[in-house]
Amino acid sequence: MQEADSKTTRGRGRPARPPEEARDAAVQAATWLLLHEGYAATTMEAVARHAGMAKKSLYQYAANREELVALVVRGWTDAFLPAMAHDAATPGEVLPLLKEILQAMAARVLTADAVGLFRLLCTEFPARADLLAVYQRNGIERGTALLADWLQRQGARGHLLLQDGHDGHDGHEMAGLLLAMVIAEPLRQMALGLLAPVPAWDAAPRIDAALRLLGGQSFKVAGASALRGS
């Protein structure tokens, strides 16, 4: 019995946690410290202590503070994946599915925690450039790439026509424009305190407006088929 009990404990007699639960605890601790104590205070020691784990256990999930922040931000973009797993069976399903995807993105990256990190990045502090690079790579760039990949898949199925710029057809330009309309401007207003974060703010009307524009339902220049000079 004593041998069995020893296998279920770790560290100083604390019950062992499943790896996924321990990882989530580390991410939550890092997020809390970033938003309440600042980047300088978000050390490996502090995160381990706040998460209730040994420092050596924390190193199983991240080698340093930058990787911890990457886990935080990447966790937000991971939340988009289930919605992006579905492809349209017909052209008529593209916009409804796209709405679901944009709602999933807004529901995660316009929360109080996400807005708080964005607000932190708008201030000056040591190592800001490093943190900004982590945020850009794991948040903005990854989110845009995931949406672009979904758009490209629908294009490959013949359900939409992508015309990025003059010769691009990979969906990145369209993905960037959609996210600028649906995410970037509300995020800016939330960081300034002009809007309340999700769920207090409902992203659905803005998403609907963006999709009406995308579908040519709310804006069309009469008699014009292309941009002048294109």
C-alpha atoms as a PDB file:
ATOM      1  CA  MET A   1       0.000   0.000   0.000  1.00  0.00           C
ATOM      2  CA  GLN A   2       2.854   2.344   0.879  1.00  0.00           C
ATOM      3  CA  GLU A   3       4.505   1.672  -2.492  1.00  0.00           C
ATOM      4  CA  ALA A   4       1.266   2.453  -4.339  1.00  0.00           C
ATOM      5  CA  ASP A   5       0.839   5.699  -2.426  1.00  0.00           C
ATOM      6  CA  SER A   6       4.360   6.792  -3.290  1.00  0.00           C
ATOM      7  CA  LYS A   7       3.573   6.551  -6.993  1.00  0.00           C
ATOM      8  CA  THR A   8       0.748   9.042  -6.707  1.00  0.00           C
ATOM      9  CA  THR A   9       2.749  11.766  -5.020  1.00  0.00           C
ATOM     10  CA  ARG A  10       5.463  14.106  -6.202  1.00  0.00           C
ATOM     11  CA  GLY A  11       7.673  16.830  -4.864  1.00  0.00           C
ATOM     12  CA  ARG A  12       6.913  17.490  -1.200  1.00  0.00           C
ATOM     13  CA  GLY A  13       4.085  15.015  -0.909  1.00  0.00           C
ATOM     14  CA  ARG A  14       1.755  16.886  -3.267  1.00  0.00           C
ATOM     15  CA  PRO A  15      -0.624  14.698  -5.294  1.00  0.00           C
ATOM     16  CA  ALA A  16       0.562  14.160  -8.848  1.00  0.00           C
ATOM     17  CA  ARG A  17      -1.395  16.021 -11.530  1.00  0.00           C
ATOM     18  CA  PRO A  18      -2.005  14.825 -15.068  1.00  0.00           C
ATOM     19  CA  PRO A  19       0.432  16.492 -17.499  1.00  0.00           C
ATOM     20  CA  GLU A  20      -2.313  18.455 -19.265  1.00  0.00           C
ATOM     21  CA  GLU A  21      -3.656  19.786 -15.967  1.00  0.00           C
ATOM     22  CA  ALA A  22      -0.170  20.777 -14.833  1.00  0.00           C
ATOM     23  CA  ARG A  23       0.464  22.523 -18.150  1.00  0.00           C
ATOM     24  CA  ASP A  24      -2.812  24.440 -17.829  1.00  0.00           C
ATOM     25  CA  ALA A  25      -1.861  25.473 -14.302  1.00  0.00           C
ATOM     26  CA  ALA A  26       1.467  26.808 -15.580  1.00  0.00           C
ATOM     27  CA  VAL A  27      -0.264  28.762 -18.365  1.00  0.00           C
ATOM     28  CA  GLN A  28      -2.804  30.231 -15.948  1.00  0.00           C
ATOM     29  CA  ALA A  29      -0.068  31.198 -13.502  1.00  0.00           C
ATOM     30  CA  ALA A  30       2.013  32.842 -16.222  1.00  0.00           C
ATOM     31  CA  THR A  31      -1.039  34.750 -17.484  1.00  0.00           C
ATOM     32  CA  TRP A  32      -1.936  36.001 -14.015  1.00  0.00           C
ATOM     33  CA  LEU A  33       1.608  37.132 -13.272  1.00  0.00           C
ATOM     34  CA  LEU A  34       1.954  38.898 -16.614  1.00  0.00           C
ATOM     35  CA  LEU A  35      -1.251  40.861 -16.131  1.00  0.00           C
ATOM     36  CA  HIS A  36      -0.953  41.598 -12.413  1.00  0.00           C
ATOM     37  CA  GLU A  37       2.785  41.725 -11.691  1.00  0.00           C
ATOM     38  CA  GLY A  38       4.296  42.534 -15.092  1.00  0.00           C
ATOM     39  CA  TYR A  39       6.775  40.826 -17.362  1.00  0.00           C
ATOM     40  CA  ALA A  40       9.766  41.268 -15.061  1.00  0.00           C
ATOM     41  CA  ALA A  41       7.977  39.447 -12.242  1.00  0.00           C
ATOM     42  CA  THR A  42       6.952  36.558 -14.492  1.00  0.00           C
ATOM     43  CA  THR A  43      10.017  34.441 -13.763  1.00  0.00           C
ATOM     44  CA  MET A  44      10.201  30.670 -13.938  1.00  0.00           C
ATOM     45  CA  GLU A  45      10.457  30.567 -10.146  1.00  0.00           C
ATOM     46  CA  ALA A  46       7.397  32.772  -9.692  1.00  0.00           C
ATOM     47  CA  VAL A  47       5.311  30.832 -12.204  1.00  0.00           C
ATOM     48  CA  ALA A  48       6.228  27.489 -10.624  1.00  0.00           C
ATOM     49  CA  ARG A  49       5.362  28.804  -7.168  1.00  0.00           C
ATOM     50  CA  HIS A  50       2.088  30.328  -8.331  1.00  0.00           C
ATOM     51  CA  ALA A  51       1.143  27.125 -10.175  1.00  0.00           C
ATOM     52  CA  GLY A  52       1.982  24.958  -7.174  1.00  0.00           C
ATOM     53  CA  MET A  53       4.624  22.878  -8.933  1.00  0.00           C
ATOM     54  CA  ALA A  54       8.330  22.278  -8.720  1.00  0.00           C
ATOM     55  CA  LYS A  55      10.473  24.437 -10.971  1.00  0.00           C
ATOM     56  CA  LYS A  56      11.939  21.340 -12.635  1.00  0.00           C
ATOM     57  CA  SER A  57       8.401  20.250 -13.511  1.00  0.00           C
ATOM     58  CA  LEU A  58       7.737  23.611 -15.144  1.00  0.00           C
ATOM     59  CA  TYR A  59      10.743  23.095 -17.425  1.00  0.00           C
ATOM     60  CA  GLN A  60       8.911  20.146 -18.981  1.00  0.00           C
ATOM     61  CA  TYR A  61       6.580  22.663 -20.638  1.00  0.00           C
ATOM     62  CA  ALA A  62       8.809  25.681 -21.242  1.00  0.00           C
ATOM     63  CA  ALA A  63      12.537  26.284 -21.193  1.00  0.00           C
ATOM     64  CA  ASN A  64      12.298  29.974 -20.303  1.00  0.00           C
ATOM     65  CA  ARG A  65       9.963  32.909 -19.787  1.00  0.00           C
ATOM     66  CA  GLU A  66       9.566  33.582 -23.517  1.00  0.00           C
ATOM     67  CA  GLU A  67       8.369  30.021 -24.103  1.00  0.00           C
ATOM     68  CA  LEU A  68       5.878  30.419 -21.251  1.00  0.00           C
ATOM     69  CA  VAL A  69       4.409  33.482 -22.934  1.00  0.00           C
ATOM     70  CA  ALA A  70       4.318  31.548 -26.209  1.00  0.00           C
ATOM     71  CA  LEU A  71       2.287  28.832 -24.459  1.00  0.00           C
ATOM     72  CA  VAL A  72      -0.170  31.456 -23.237  1.00  0.00           C
ATOM     73  CA  VAL A  73      -0.699  33.042 -26.654  1.00  0.00           C
ATOM     74  CA  ARG A  74      -0.603  29.769 -28.579  1.00  0.00           C
ATOM     75  CA  GLY A  75      -3.306  28.435 -26.294  1.00  0.00           C
ATOM     76  CA  TRP A  76      -5.582  31.189 -27.571  1.00  0.00           C
ATOM     77  CA  THR A  77      -4.982  30.325 -31.220  1.00  0.00           C
ATOM     78  CA  ASP A  78      -5.341  26.594 -30.477  1.00  0.00           C
ATOM     79  CA  ALA A  79      -8.924  27.399 -29.495  1.00  0.00           C
ATOM     80  CA  PHE A  80      -9.656  28.289 -33.136  1.00  0.00           C
ATOM     81  CA  LEU A  81      -8.801  24.834 -34.482  1.00  0.00           C
ATOM     82  CA  PRO A  82     -12.109  23.000 -33.836  1.00  0.00           C
ATOM     83  CA  ALA A  83     -14.110  25.610 -35.779  1.00  0.00           C
ATOM     84  CA  MET A  84     -11.577  25.532 -38.623  1.00  0.00           C
ATOM     85  CA  ALA A  85     -11.748  21.751 -38.931  1.00  0.00           C
ATOM     86  CA  HIS A  86     -15.005  21.953 -40.883  1.00  0.00           C
ATOM     87  CA  ASP A  87     -15.070  22.559 -44.634  1.00  0.00           C
ATOM     88  CA  ALA A  88     -18.043  23.801 -46.625  1.00  0.00           C
ATOM     89  CA  ALA A  89     -19.923  21.172 -48.615  1.00  0.00           C
ATOM     90  CA  THR A  90     -21.454  23.834 -50.865  1.00  0.00           C
ATOM     91  CA  PRO A  91     -20.695  27.513 -51.626  1.00  0.00           C
ATOM     92  CA  GLY A  92     -23.723  28.468 -49.551  1.00  0.00           C
ATOM     93  CA  GLU A  93     -22.062  27.080 -46.420  1.00  0.00           C
ATOM     94  CA  VAL A  94     -18.908  29.224 -46.700  1.00  0.00           C
ATOM     95  CA  LEU A  95     -20.178  32.386 -45.009  1.00  0.00           C
ATOM     96  CA  PRO A  96     -22.034  30.601 -42.166  1.00  0.00           C
ATOM     97  CA  LEU A  97     -18.925  28.552 -41.395  1.00  0.00           C
ATOM     98  CA  LEU A  98     -16.745  31.640 -41.659  1.00  0.00           C
ATOM     99  CA  LYS A  99     -19.031  33.368 -39.173  1.00  0.00           C
ATOM    100  CA  GLU A 100     -18.549  30.491 -36.717  1.00  0.00           C
ATOM    101  CA  ILE A 101     -14.782  30.736 -37.120  1.00  0.00           C
ATOM    102  CA  LEU A 102     -14.699  34.495 -36.556  1.00  0.00           C
ATOM    103  CA  GLN A 103     -16.957  34.127 -33.522  1.00  0.00           C
ATOM    104  CA  ALA A 104     -14.590  31.513 -32.081  1.00  0.00           C
ATOM    105  CA  MET A 105     -11.631  33.827 -32.663  1.00  0.00           C
ATOM    106  CA  ALA A 106     -13.346  36.835 -31.110  1.00  0.00           C
ATOM    107  CA  ALA A 107     -14.474  34.757 -28.138  1.00  0.00           C
ATOM    108  CA  ARG A 108     -10.849  34.005 -27.273  1.00  0.00           C
ATOM    109  CA  VAL A 109      -8.727  36.964 -28.335  1.00  0.00           C
ATOM    110  CA  LEU A 110     -11.079  39.686 -27.123  1.00  0.00           C
ATOM    111  CA  THR A 111     -11.321  38.448 -23.531  1.00  0.00           C
ATOM    112  CA  ALA A 112     -10.079  40.467 -20.575  1.00  0.00           C
ATOM    113  CA  ASP A 113      -6.850  38.427 -20.380  1.00  0.00           C
ATOM    114  CA  ALA A 114      -6.062  38.872 -24.072  1.00  0.00           C
ATOM    115  CA  VAL A 115      -6.851  42.579 -23.937  1.00  0.00           C
ATOM    116  CA  GLY A 116      -4.683  42.903 -20.846  1.00  0.00           C
ATOM    117  CA  LEU A 117      -1.687  41.367 -22.596  1.00  0.00           C
ATOM    118  CA  PHE A 118      -2.210  43.619 -25.609  1.00  0.00           C
ATOM    119  CA  ARG A 119      -2.357  46.632 -23.278  1.00  0.00           C
ATOM    120  CA  LEU A 120       0.885  45.488 -21.632  1.00  0.00           C
ATOM    121  CA  LEU A 121       2.566  45.302 -25.031  1.00  0.00           C
ATOM    122  CA  CYS A 122       1.591  48.930 -25.662  1.00  0.00           C
ATOM    123  CA  THR A 123       3.784  50.036 -22.740  1.00  0.00           C
ATOM    124  CA  GLU A 124       7.545  50.251 -22.462  1.00  0.00           C
ATOM    125  CA  PHE A 125       9.373  47.686 -20.333  1.00  0.00           C
ATOM    126  CA  PRO A 126      12.627  45.683 -20.509  1.00  0.00           C
ATOM    127  CA  ALA A 127      12.516  42.825 -23.024  1.00  0.00           C
ATOM    128  CA  ARG A 128       9.383  44.264 -24.653  1.00  0.00           C
ATOM    129  CA  ALA A 129      10.787  43.500 -28.110  1.00  0.00           C
ATOM    130  CA  ASP A 130      11.215  39.826 -27.193  1.00  0.00           C
ATOM    131  CA  LEU A 131       7.692  39.551 -25.825  1.00  0.00           C
ATOM    132  CA  LEU A 132       6.270  41.375 -28.827  1.00  0.00           C
ATOM    133  CA  ALA A 133       7.999  38.917 -31.168  1.00  0.00           C
ATOM    134  CA  VAL A 134       6.518  35.977 -29.251  1.00  0.00           C
ATOM    135  CA  TYR A 135       3.050  37.566 -29.383  1.00  0.00           C
ATOM    136  CA  GLN A 136       3.343  38.325 -33.091  1.00  0.00           C
ATOM    137  CA  ARG A 137       4.544  34.852 -34.017  1.00  0.00           C
ATOM    138  CA  ASN A 138       2.174  32.782 -31.868  1.00  0.00           C
ATOM    139  CA  GLY A 139      -0.822  35.105 -31.969  1.00  0.00           C
ATOM    140  CA  ILE A 140      -1.239  37.445 -34.921  1.00  0.00           C
ATOM    141  CA  GLU A 141       0.766  35.520 -37.516  1.00  0.00           C
ATOM    142  CA  ARG A 142      -0.510  32.100 -36.492  1.00  0.00           C
ATOM    143  CA  GLY A 143      -4.138  33.218 -36.311  1.00  0.00           C
ATOM    144  CA  THR A 144      -3.898  34.818 -39.746  1.00  0.00           C
ATOM    145  CA  ALA A 145      -2.196  31.745 -41.205  1.00  0.00           C
ATOM    146  CA  LEU A 146      -4.854  29.411 -39.790  1.00  0.00           C
ATOM    147  CA  LEU A 147      -7.670  31.503 -41.253  1.00  0.00           C
ATOM    148  CA  ALA A 148      -5.834  31.825 -44.582  1.00  0.00           C
ATOM    149  CA  ASP A 149      -5.412  28.050 -44.720  1.00  0.00           C
ATOM    150  CA  TRP A 150      -9.146  27.559 -44.165  1.00  0.00           C
ATOM    151  CA  LEU A 151      -9.988  30.066 -46.907  1.00  0.00           C
ATOM    152  CA  GLN A 152      -7.546  28.378 -49.255  1.00  0.00           C
ATOM    153  CA  ARG A 153      -9.155  24.985 -48.586  1.00  0.00           C
ATOM    154  CA  GLN A 154     -12.553  26.365 -49.520  1.00  0.00           C
ATOM    155  CA  GLY A 155     -11.036  27.837 -52.670  1.00  0.00           C
ATOM    156  CA  ALA A 156      -9.494  24.484 -53.553  1.00  0.00           C
ATOM    157  CA  ARG A 157     -12.937  22.898 -53.207  1.00  0.00           C
ATOM    158  CA  GLY A 158     -14.301  25.398 -55.718  1.00  0.00           C
ATOM    159  CA  HIS A 159     -16.521  27.197 -53.180  1.00  0.00           C
ATOM    160  CA  LEU A 160     -14.900  30.648 -53.379  1.00  0.00           C
ATOM    161  CA  LEU A 161     -12.538  32.641 -55.542  1.00  0.00           C
ATOM    162  CA  LEU A 162      -9.503  34.135 -53.827  1.00  0.00           C
ATOM    163  CA  GLN A 163      -7.787  37.086 -55.457  1.00  0.00           C
ATOM    164  CA  ASP A 164      -5.147  38.319 -53.036  1.00  0.00           C
ATOM    165  CA  GLY A 165      -3.434  41.329 -54.561  1.00  0.00           C
ATOM    166  CA  HIS A 166      -2.438  40.932 -58.197  1.00  0.00           C
ATOM    167  CA  ASP A 167      -1.196  37.367 -58.265  1.00  0.00           C
ATOM    168  CA  GLY A 168      -1.665  35.814 -54.836  1.00  0.00           C
ATOM    169  CA  HIS A 169      -4.320  33.188 -54.139  1.00  0.00           C
ATOM    170  CA  ASP A 170      -3.330  31.883 -50.704  1.00  0.00           C
ATOM    171  CA  GLY A 171      -5.906  33.742 -48.633  1.00  0.00           C
ATOM    172  CA  HIS A 172      -3.449  35.657 -46.435  1.00  0.00           C
ATOM    173  CA  GLU A 173      -4.503  39.103 -47.595  1.00  0.00           C
ATOM    174  CA  MET A 174      -8.200  38.314 -47.165  1.00  0.00           C
ATOM    175  CA  ALA A 175      -7.579  36.732 -43.763  1.00  0.00           C
ATOM    176  CA  GLY A 176      -5.671  39.800 -42.642  1.00  0.00           C
ATOM    177  CA  LEU A 177      -8.397  42.156 -43.793  1.00  0.00           C
ATOM    178  CA  LEU A 178     -11.130  40.131 -42.083  1.00  0.00           C
ATOM    179  CA  LEU A 179      -9.222  40.031 -38.812  1.00  0.00           C
ATOM    180  CA  ALA A 180      -8.519  43.751 -39.037  1.00  0.00           C
ATOM    181  CA  MET A 181     -12.251  44.432 -39.278  1.00  0.00           C
ATOM    182  CA  VAL A 182     -13.472  41.913 -36.736  1.00  0.00           C
ATOM    183  CA  ILE A 183     -10.633  41.739 -34.194  1.00  0.00           C
ATOM    184  CA  ALA A 184      -8.063  44.528 -34.476  1.00  0.00           C
ATOM    185  CA  GLU A 185     -10.302  47.571 -34.123  1.00  0.00           C
ATOM    186  CA  PRO A 186     -12.390  46.223 -31.226  1.00  0.00           C
ATOM    187  CA  LEU A 187      -9.144  45.138 -29.519  1.00  0.00           C
ATOM    188  CA  ARG A 188      -7.772  48.664 -29.847  1.00  0.00           C
ATOM    189  CA  GLN A 189     -10.942  50.145 -28.366  1.00  0.00           C
ATOM    190  CA  MET A 190     -10.931  47.621 -25.526  1.00  0.00           C
ATOM    191  CA  ALA A 191      -7.303  48.407 -24.717  1.00  0.00           C
ATOM    192  CA  LEU A 192      -8.275  52.084 -24.495  1.00  0.00           C
ATOM    193  CA  GLY A 193     -11.206  51.278 -22.243  1.00  0.00           C
ATOM    194  CA  LEU A 194     -13.801  52.335 -24.814  1.00  0.00           C
ATOM    195  CA  LEU A 195     -15.335  48.861 -25.109  1.00  0.00           C
ATOM    196  CA  ALA A 196     -15.814  46.106 -22.554  1.00  0.00           C
ATOM    197  CA  PRO A 197     -14.091  42.804 -23.391  1.00  0.00           C
ATOM    198  CA  VAL A 198     -15.967  39.697 -24.480  1.00  0.00           C
ATOM    199  CA  PRO A 199     -18.399  38.376 -23.287  1.00  0.00           C
ATOM    200  CA  ALA A 200     -19.775  41.765 -22.224  1.00  0.00           C
ATOM    201  CA  TRP A 201     -19.295  42.966 -25.809  1.00  0.00           C
ATOM    202  CA  ASP A 202     -21.128  40.997 -28.490  1.00  0.00           C
ATOM    203  CA  ALA A 203     -18.973  40.474 -31.578  1.00  0.00           C
ATOM    204  CA  ALA A 204     -21.822  39.048 -33.689  1.00  0.00           C
ATOM    205  CA  PRO A 205     -23.126  42.346 -35.192  1.00  0.00           C
ATOM    206  CA  ARG A 206     -19.625  43.371 -36.287  1.00  0.00           C
ATOM    207  CA  ILE A 207     -18.964  39.930 -37.760  1.00  0.00           C
ATOM    208  CA  ASP A 208     -22.259  40.090 -39.643  1.00  0.00           C
ATOM    209  CA  ALA A 209     -21.357  43.535 -41.006  1.00  0.00           C
ATOM    210  CA  ALA A 210     -17.943  42.273 -42.169  1.00  0.00           C
ATOM    211  CA  LEU A 211     -19.509  39.282 -43.912  1.00  0.00           C
ATOM    212  CA  ARG A 212     -22.132  41.457 -45.620  1.00  0.00           C
ATOM    213  CA  LEU A 213     -19.299  43.576 -46.956  1.00  0.00           C
ATOM    214  CA  LEU A 214     -17.398  40.467 -48.011  1.00  0.00           C
ATOM    215  CA  GLY A 215     -20.466  39.080 -49.756  1.00  0.00           C
ATOM    216  CA  GLY A 216     -21.078  42.312 -51.658  1.00  0.00           C
ATOM    217  CA  GLN A 217     -24.356  42.939 -49.842  1.00  0.00           C
ATOM    218  CA  SER A 218     -23.527  46.273 -48.207  1.00  0.00           C
ATOM    219  CA  PHE A 219     -21.144  48.007 -50.600  1.00  0.00           C
ATOM    220  CA  LYS A 220     -20.849  47.946 -54.373  1.00  0.00           C
ATOM    221  CA  VAL A 221     -19.759  50.661 -56.761  1.00  0.00           C
ATOM    222  CA  ALA A 222     -22.319  50.865 -59.549  1.00  0.00           C
ATOM    223  CA  GLY A 223     -20.913  49.834 -62.905  1.00  0.00           C
ATOM    224  CA  ALA A 224     -17.424  49.168 -61.545  1.00  0.00           C
ATOM    225  CA  SER A 225     -15.856  45.745 -62.073  1.00  0.00           C
ATOM    226  CA  ALA A 226     -12.266  46.365 -60.964  1.00  0.00           C
ATOM    227  CA  LEU A 227     -10.076  48.898 -59.228  1.00  0.00           C
ATOM    228  CA  ARG A 228      -8.809  51.613 -61.563  1.00  0.00           C
ATOM    229  CA  GLY A 229      -5.269  50.876 -62.631  1.00  0.00           C
ATOM    230  CA  SER A 230      -5.409  47.177 -61.717  1.00  0.00           C
END
